[in-house]
Amino acid sequence: MSDAPIEERVAAARAGLTETLDAIEDKLNVPKRVEELTAKAKASYESNPVPWIVGAVGAAVVVAGLVAWAILSDD
């Protein structure tokens, strides 16, 4: 056992628990996480928009292909 008085050990344990709960709350804060992800995406687009444009064009081609396949297929 420690030589520290019980009050000090309880205070230290309480502080540790508070830090842990704050970290868990921060990780589970969905709106904050979405905001961070949005900021990262905007910064990425602003620094180099070419991959984003290529990805968007690729997605549009895939969607157009699926629509055309659904319309023109003989199923």
PDB file of N, CA and C in Angstrom:
ATOM      1  N   MET A   1       0.835  -1.188   0.000  1.00  0.00           N
ATOM      2  CA  MET A   1       0.000   0.000   0.000  1.00  0.00           C
ATOM      3  C   MET A   1       0.871   1.240   0.000  1.00  0.00           C
ATOM      4  N   SER A   2       0.287   2.329  -0.342  1.00  0.00           N
ATOM      5  CA  SER A   2       0.990   3.597  -0.405  1.00  0.00           C
ATOM      6  C   SER A   2       0.930   4.296   0.942  1.00  0.00           C
ATOM      7  N   ASP A   3       1.903   5.190   1.161  1.00  0.00           N
ATOM      8  CA  ASP A   3       1.923   5.966   2.397  1.00  0.00           C
ATOM      9  C   ASP A   3       1.031   7.192   2.299  1.00  0.00           C
ATOM     10  N   ALA A   4       0.480   7.481   1.109  1.00  0.00           N
ATOM     11  CA  ALA A   4      -0.363   8.662   0.924  1.00  0.00           C
ATOM     12  C   ALA A   4      -1.687   8.466   1.645  1.00  0.00           C
ATOM     13  N   PRO A   5      -2.207   9.548   2.182  1.00  0.00           N
ATOM     14  CA  PRO A   5      -3.508   9.454   2.840  1.00  0.00           C
ATOM     15  C   PRO A   5      -4.587   9.020   1.831  1.00  0.00           C
ATOM     16  N   ILE A   6      -5.600   8.429   2.349  1.00  0.00           N
ATOM     17  CA  ILE A   6      -6.676   7.898   1.506  1.00  0.00           C
ATOM     18  C   ILE A   6      -7.308   8.990   0.647  1.00  0.00           C
ATOM     19  N   GLU A   7      -7.423  10.196   1.182  1.00  0.00           N
ATOM     20  CA  GLU A   7      -8.027  11.297   0.428  1.00  0.00           C
ATOM     21  C   GLU A   7      -7.218  11.619  -0.826  1.00  0.00           C
ATOM     22  N   GLU A   8      -5.877  11.576  -0.708  1.00  0.00           N
ATOM     23  CA  GLU A   8      -5.028  11.856  -1.862  1.00  0.00           C
ATOM     24  C   GLU A   8      -5.146  10.756  -2.907  1.00  0.00           C
ATOM     25  N   ARG A   9      -5.218   9.514  -2.476  1.00  0.00           N
ATOM     26  CA  ARG A   9      -5.359   8.397  -3.421  1.00  0.00           C
ATOM     27  C   ARG A   9      -6.713   8.456  -4.120  1.00  0.00           C
ATOM     28  N   VAL A  10      -7.746   8.818  -3.366  1.00  0.00           N
ATOM     29  CA  VAL A  10      -9.077   8.943  -3.967  1.00  0.00           C
ATOM     30  C   VAL A  10      -9.083  10.083  -4.977  1.00  0.00           C
ATOM     31  N   ALA A  11      -8.464  11.199  -4.638  1.00  0.00           N
ATOM     32  CA  ALA A  11      -8.409  12.337  -5.553  1.00  0.00           C
ATOM     33  C   ALA A  11      -7.643  11.973  -6.825  1.00  0.00           C
ATOM     34  N   ALA A  12      -6.542  11.241  -6.675  1.00  0.00           N
ATOM     35  CA  ALA A  12      -5.764  10.833  -7.846  1.00  0.00           C
ATOM     36  C   ALA A  12      -6.567   9.864  -8.711  1.00  0.00           C
ATOM     37  N   ALA A  13      -7.267   8.933  -8.092  1.00  0.00           N
ATOM     38  CA  ALA A  13      -8.089   7.990  -8.843  1.00  0.00           C
ATOM     39  C   ALA A  13      -9.222   8.716  -9.554  1.00  0.00           C
ATOM     40  N   ARG A  14      -9.818   9.679  -8.882  1.00  0.00           N
ATOM     41  CA  ARG A  14     -10.907  10.455  -9.472  1.00  0.00           C
ATOM     42  C   ARG A  14     -10.400  11.261 -10.670  1.00  0.00           C
ATOM     43  N   ALA A  15      -9.216  11.840 -10.560  1.00  0.00           N
ATOM     44  CA  ALA A  15      -8.640  12.608 -11.667  1.00  0.00           C
ATOM     45  C   ALA A  15      -8.356  11.692 -12.859  1.00  0.00           C
ATOM     46  N   GLY A  16      -7.845  10.518 -12.592  1.00  0.00           N
ATOM     47  CA  GLY A  16      -7.588   9.563 -13.667  1.00  0.00           C
ATOM     48  C   GLY A  16      -8.870   9.124 -14.349  1.00  0.00           C
ATOM     49  N   LEU A  17      -9.897   8.883 -13.565  1.00  0.00           N
ATOM     50  CA  LEU A  17     -11.192   8.488 -14.122  1.00  0.00           C
ATOM     51  C   LEU A  17     -11.787   9.622 -14.961  1.00  0.00           C
ATOM     52  N   THR A  18     -11.639  10.841 -14.484  1.00  0.00           N
ATOM     53  CA  THR A  18     -12.141  11.995 -15.229  1.00  0.00           C
ATOM     54  C   THR A  18     -11.441  12.108 -16.580  1.00  0.00           C
ATOM     55  N   GLU A  19     -10.127  11.937 -16.611  1.00  0.00           N
ATOM     56  CA  GLU A  19      -9.384  11.982 -17.875  1.00  0.00           C
ATOM     57  C   GLU A  19      -9.861  10.885 -18.819  1.00  0.00           C
ATOM     58  N   THR A  20     -10.063   9.686 -18.301  1.00  0.00           N
ATOM     59  CA  THR A  20     -10.506   8.570 -19.131  1.00  0.00           C
ATOM     60  C   THR A  20     -11.893   8.833 -19.699  1.00  0.00           C
ATOM     61  N   LEU A  21     -12.797   9.311 -18.879  1.00  0.00           N
ATOM     62  CA  LEU A  21     -14.156   9.596 -19.351  1.00  0.00           C
ATOM     63  C   LEU A  21     -14.174  10.731 -20.368  1.00  0.00           C
ATOM     64  N   ASP A  22     -13.335  11.738 -20.166  1.00  0.00           N
ATOM     65  CA  ASP A  22     -13.241  12.826 -21.137  1.00  0.00           C
ATOM     66  C   ASP A  22     -12.723  12.312 -22.478  1.00  0.00           C
ATOM     67  N   ALA A  23     -11.740  11.418 -22.442  1.00  0.00           N
ATOM     68  CA  ALA A  23     -11.198  10.855 -23.679  1.00  0.00           C
ATOM     69  C   ALA A  23     -12.253  10.020 -24.396  1.00  0.00           C
ATOM     70  N   ILE A  24     -13.019   9.234 -23.658  1.00  0.00           N
ATOM     71  CA  ILE A  24     -14.084   8.421 -24.256  1.00  0.00           C
ATOM     72  C   ILE A  24     -15.151   9.318 -24.857  1.00  0.00           C
ATOM     73  N   GLU A  25     -15.542  10.344 -24.131  1.00  0.00           N
ATOM     74  CA  GLU A  25     -16.561  11.273 -24.631  1.00  0.00           C
ATOM     75  C   GLU A  25     -16.089  11.952 -25.910  1.00  0.00           C
ATOM     76  N   ASP A  26     -14.809  12.327 -25.951  1.00  0.00           N
ATOM     77  CA  ASP A  26     -14.261  12.983 -27.122  1.00  0.00           C
ATOM     78  C   ASP A  26     -14.278  12.041 -28.324  1.00  0.00           C
ATOM     79  N   LYS A  27     -13.943  10.779 -28.119  1.00  0.00           N
ATOM     80  CA  LYS A  27     -13.938   9.807 -29.220  1.00  0.00           C
ATOM     81  C   LYS A  27     -15.341   9.505 -29.720  1.00  0.00           C
ATOM     82  N   LEU A  28     -16.329   9.545 -28.853  1.00  0.00           N
ATOM     83  CA  LEU A  28     -17.694   9.193 -29.231  1.00  0.00           C
ATOM     84  C   LEU A  28     -18.539  10.398 -29.638  1.00  0.00           C
ATOM     85  N   ASN A  29     -17.938  11.570 -29.710  1.00  0.00           N
ATOM     86  CA  ASN A  29     -18.643  12.782 -30.087  1.00  0.00           C
ATOM     87  C   ASN A  29     -18.741  12.826 -31.619  1.00  0.00           C
ATOM     88  N   VAL A  30     -19.829  12.278 -32.158  1.00  0.00           N
ATOM     89  CA  VAL A  30     -19.981  12.134 -33.609  1.00  0.00           C
ATOM     90  C   VAL A  30     -19.983  13.482 -34.326  1.00  0.00           C
ATOM     91  N   PRO A  31     -20.740  14.484 -33.879  1.00  0.00           N
ATOM     92  CA  PRO A  31     -20.700  15.764 -34.603  1.00  0.00           C
ATOM     93  C   PRO A  31     -19.286  16.356 -34.672  1.00  0.00           C
ATOM     94  N   LYS A  32     -18.517  16.216 -33.613  1.00  0.00           N
ATOM     95  CA  LYS A  32     -17.150  16.736 -33.616  1.00  0.00           C
ATOM     96  C   LYS A  32     -16.293  15.959 -34.613  1.00  0.00           C
ATOM     97  N   ARG A  33     -16.461  14.649 -34.652  1.00  0.00           N
ATOM     98  CA  ARG A  33     -15.702  13.822 -35.594  1.00  0.00           C
ATOM     99  C   ARG A  33     -16.065  14.157 -37.038  1.00  0.00           C
ATOM    100  N   VAL A  34     -17.346  14.380 -37.307  1.00  0.00           N
ATOM    101  CA  VAL A  34     -17.780  14.737 -38.662  1.00  0.00           C
ATOM    102  C   VAL A  34     -17.183  16.082 -39.053  1.00  0.00           C
ATOM    103  N   GLU A  35     -17.183  17.015 -38.123  1.00  0.00           N
ATOM    104  CA  GLU A  35     -16.606  18.343 -38.385  1.00  0.00           C
ATOM    105  C   GLU A  35     -15.116  18.230 -38.701  1.00  0.00           C
ATOM    106  N   GLU A  36     -14.390  17.406 -37.942  1.00  0.00           N
ATOM    107  CA  GLU A  36     -12.961  17.214 -38.198  1.00  0.00           C
ATOM    108  C   GLU A  36     -12.728  16.573 -39.558  1.00  0.00           C
ATOM    109  N   LEU A  37     -13.520  15.566 -39.900  1.00  0.00           N
ATOM    110  CA  LEU A  37     -13.384  14.899 -41.185  1.00  0.00           C
ATOM    111  C   LEU A  37     -13.692  15.849 -42.341  1.00  0.00           C
ATOM    112  N   THR A  38     -14.716  16.678 -42.169  1.00  0.00           N
ATOM    113  CA  THR A  38     -15.062  17.664 -43.193  1.00  0.00           C
ATOM    114  C   THR A  38     -13.927  18.663 -43.387  1.00  0.00           C
ATOM    115  N   ALA A  39     -13.345  19.113 -42.307  1.00  0.00           N
ATOM    116  CA  ALA A  39     -12.229  20.062 -42.397  1.00  0.00           C
ATOM    117  C   ALA A  39     -11.033  19.428 -43.108  1.00  0.00           C
ATOM    118  N   LYS A  40     -10.751  18.154 -42.812  1.00  0.00           N
ATOM    119  CA  LYS A  40      -9.651  17.466 -43.479  1.00  0.00           C
ATOM    120  C   LYS A  40      -9.926  17.321 -44.971  1.00  0.00           C
ATOM    121  N   ALA A  41     -11.160  16.971 -45.323  1.00  0.00           N
ATOM    122  CA  ALA A  41     -11.511  16.809 -46.739  1.00  0.00           C
ATOM    123  C   ALA A  41     -11.402  18.136 -47.479  1.00  0.00           C
ATOM    124  N   LYS A  42     -11.872  19.212 -46.872  1.00  0.00           N
ATOM    125  CA  LYS A  42     -11.776  20.527 -47.507  1.00  0.00           C
ATOM    126  C   LYS A  42     -10.319  20.934 -47.705  1.00  0.00           C
ATOM    127  N   ALA A  43      -9.505  20.702 -46.693  1.00  0.00           N
ATOM    128  CA  ALA A  43      -8.084  21.043 -46.803  1.00  0.00           C
ATOM    129  C   ALA A  43      -7.415  20.204 -47.885  1.00  0.00           C
ATOM    130  N   SER A  44      -7.772  18.943 -47.966  1.00  0.00           N
ATOM    131  CA  SER A  44      -7.216  18.067 -48.996  1.00  0.00           C
ATOM    132  C   SER A  44      -7.624  18.536 -50.383  1.00  0.00           C
ATOM    133  N   TYR A  45      -8.887  18.900 -50.545  1.00  0.00           N
ATOM    134  CA  TYR A  45      -9.365  19.383 -51.844  1.00  0.00           C
ATOM    135  C   TYR A  45      -8.688  20.690 -52.226  1.00  0.00           C
ATOM    136  N   GLU A  46      -8.533  21.578 -51.268  1.00  0.00           N
ATOM    137  CA  GLU A  46      -7.918  22.874 -51.551  1.00  0.00           C
ATOM    138  C   GLU A  46      -6.441  22.728 -51.910  1.00  0.00           C
ATOM    139  N   SER A  47      -5.752  21.749 -51.310  1.00  0.00           N
ATOM    140  CA  SER A  47      -4.335  21.582 -51.611  1.00  0.00           C
ATOM    141  C   SER A  47      -4.115  20.879 -52.944  1.00  0.00           C
ATOM    142  N   ASN A  48      -5.016  19.946 -53.333  1.00  0.00           N
ATOM    143  CA  ASN A  48      -4.867  19.227 -54.600  1.00  0.00           C
ATOM    144  C   ASN A  48      -6.229  18.690 -55.033  1.00  0.00           C
ATOM    145  N   PRO A  49      -6.963  19.440 -55.869  1.00  0.00           N
ATOM    146  CA  PRO A  49      -8.316  19.013 -56.243  1.00  0.00           C
ATOM    147  C   PRO A  49      -8.377  17.907 -57.293  1.00  0.00           C
ATOM    148  N   VAL A  50      -7.266  17.607 -57.970  1.00  0.00           N
ATOM    149  CA  VAL A  50      -7.285  16.648 -59.076  1.00  0.00           C
ATOM    150  C   VAL A  50      -7.798  15.267 -58.645  1.00  0.00           C
ATOM    151  N   PRO A  51      -7.306  14.669 -57.558  1.00  0.00           N
ATOM    152  CA  PRO A  51      -7.832  13.343 -57.186  1.00  0.00           C
ATOM    153  C   PRO A  51      -9.334  13.380 -56.870  1.00  0.00           C
ATOM    154  N   TRP A  52      -9.788  14.467 -56.300  1.00  0.00           N
ATOM    155  CA  TRP A  52     -11.214  14.581 -55.984  1.00  0.00           C
ATOM    156  C   TRP A  52     -12.043  14.650 -57.263  1.00  0.00           C
ATOM    157  N   ILE A  53     -11.555  15.398 -58.246  1.00  0.00           N
ATOM    158  CA  ILE A  53     -12.269  15.519 -59.512  1.00  0.00           C
ATOM    159  C   ILE A  53     -12.271  14.187 -60.241  1.00  0.00           C
ATOM    160  N   VAL A  54     -11.137  13.517 -60.270  1.00  0.00           N
ATOM    161  CA  VAL A  54     -11.052  12.205 -60.920  1.00  0.00           C
ATOM    162  C   VAL A  54     -11.990  11.214 -60.226  1.00  0.00           C
ATOM    163  N   GLY A  55     -12.009  11.233 -58.917  1.00  0.00           N
ATOM    164  CA  GLY A  55     -12.904  10.341 -58.175  1.00  0.00           C
ATOM    165  C   GLY A  55     -14.366  10.629 -58.461  1.00  0.00           C
ATOM    166  N   ALA A  56     -14.724  11.902 -58.526  1.00  0.00           N
ATOM    167  CA  ALA A  56     -16.115  12.275 -58.810  1.00  0.00           C
ATOM    168  C   ALA A  56     -16.514  11.857 -60.214  1.00  0.00           C
ATOM    169  N   VAL A  57     -15.624  12.046 -61.176  1.00  0.00           N
ATOM    170  CA  VAL A  57     -15.917  11.626 -62.550  1.00  0.00           C
ATOM    171  C   VAL A  57     -16.046  10.112 -62.618  1.00  0.00           C
ATOM    172  N   GLY A  58     -15.170   9.416 -61.931  1.00  0.00           N
ATOM    173  CA  GLY A  58     -15.249   7.951 -61.899  1.00  0.00           C
ATOM    174  C   GLY A  58     -16.558   7.472 -61.295  1.00  0.00           C
ATOM    175  N   ALA A  59     -16.966   8.094 -60.196  1.00  0.00           N
ATOM    176  CA  ALA A  59     -18.234   7.715 -59.568  1.00  0.00           C
ATOM    177  C   ALA A  59     -19.406   8.008 -60.491  1.00  0.00           C
ATOM    178  N   ALA A  60     -19.361   9.129 -61.186  1.00  0.00           N
ATOM    179  CA  ALA A  60     -20.437   9.471 -62.123  1.00  0.00           C
ATOM    180  C   ALA A  60     -20.506   8.459 -63.259  1.00  0.00           C
ATOM    181  N   VAL A  61     -19.361   8.018 -63.764  1.00  0.00           N
ATOM    182  CA  VAL A  61     -19.337   7.018 -64.837  1.00  0.00           C
ATOM    183  C   VAL A  61     -19.927   5.699 -64.343  1.00  0.00           C
ATOM    184  N   VAL A  62     -19.575   5.296 -63.135  1.00  0.00           N
ATOM    185  CA  VAL A  62     -20.117   4.052 -62.570  1.00  0.00           C
ATOM    186  C   VAL A  62     -21.626   4.155 -62.419  1.00  0.00           C
ATOM    187  N   VAL A  63     -22.114   5.245 -61.889  1.00  0.00           N
ATOM    188  CA  VAL A  63     -23.562   5.418 -61.707  1.00  0.00           C
ATOM    189  C   VAL A  63     -24.262   5.428 -63.056  1.00  0.00           C
ATOM    190  N   ALA A  64     -23.710   6.158 -64.032  1.00  0.00           N
ATOM    191  CA  ALA A  64     -24.317   6.198 -65.359  1.00  0.00           C
ATOM    192  C   ALA A  64     -24.322   4.808 -65.992  1.00  0.00           C
ATOM    193  N   GLY A  65     -23.259   4.053 -65.803  1.00  0.00           N
ATOM    194  CA  GLY A  65     -23.200   2.690 -66.322  1.00  0.00           C
ATOM    195  C   GLY A  65     -24.239   1.791 -65.682  1.00  0.00           C
ATOM    196  N   LEU A  66     -24.409   1.909 -64.373  1.00  0.00           N
ATOM    197  CA  LEU A  66     -25.420   1.100 -63.683  1.00  0.00           C
ATOM    198  C   LEU A  66     -26.826   1.466 -64.138  1.00  0.00           C
ATOM    199  N   VAL A  67     -27.081   2.729 -64.321  1.00  0.00           N
ATOM    200  CA  VAL A  67     -28.402   3.178 -64.795  1.00  0.00           C
ATOM    201  C   VAL A  67     -28.652   2.654 -66.208  1.00  0.00           C
ATOM    202  N   ALA A  68     -27.656   2.785 -67.061  1.00  0.00           N
ATOM    203  CA  ALA A  68     -27.799   2.302 -68.442  1.00  0.00           C
ATOM    204  C   ALA A  68     -28.004   0.788 -68.463  1.00  0.00           C
ATOM    205  N   TRP A  69     -27.255   0.081 -67.650  1.00  0.00           N
ATOM    206  CA  TRP A  69     -27.400  -1.375 -67.569  1.00  0.00           C
ATOM    207  C   TRP A  69     -28.790  -1.759 -67.095  1.00  0.00           C
ATOM    208  N   ALA A  70     -29.294  -1.045 -66.088  1.00  0.00           N
ATOM    209  CA  ALA A  70     -30.637  -1.339 -65.557  1.00  0.00           C
ATOM    210  C   ALA A  70     -31.709  -1.061 -66.610  1.00  0.00           C
ATOM    211  N   ILE A  71     -31.519  -0.016 -67.380  1.00  0.00           N
ATOM    212  CA  ILE A  71     -32.534   0.349 -68.395  1.00  0.00           C
ATOM    213  C   ILE A  71     -32.455  -0.573 -69.599  1.00  0.00           C
ATOM    214  N   LEU A  72     -31.260  -0.889 -70.025  1.00  0.00           N
ATOM    215  CA  LEU A  72     -31.096  -1.619 -71.289  1.00  0.00           C
ATOM    216  C   LEU A  72     -31.002  -3.133 -71.146  1.00  0.00           C
ATOM    217  N   SER A  73     -30.926  -3.631 -69.931  1.00  0.00           N
ATOM    218  CA  SER A  73     -30.804  -5.085 -69.773  1.00  0.00           C
ATOM    219  C   SER A  73     -32.125  -5.777 -70.100  1.00  0.00           C
ATOM    220  N   ASP A  74     -32.013  -7.044 -70.502  1.00  0.00           N
ATOM    221  CA  ASP A  74     -33.203  -7.804 -70.912  1.00  0.00           C
ATOM    222  C   ASP A  74     -33.818  -8.575 -69.740  1.00  0.00           C
ATOM    223  N   ASP A  75     -33.382  -8.339 -68.536  1.00  0.00           N
ATOM    224  CA  ASP A  75     -33.926  -9.093 -67.378  1.00  0.00           C
ATOM    225  C   ASP A  75     -35.335  -8.777 -67.132  1.00  0.00           C
TER     226      ASP A  75
END
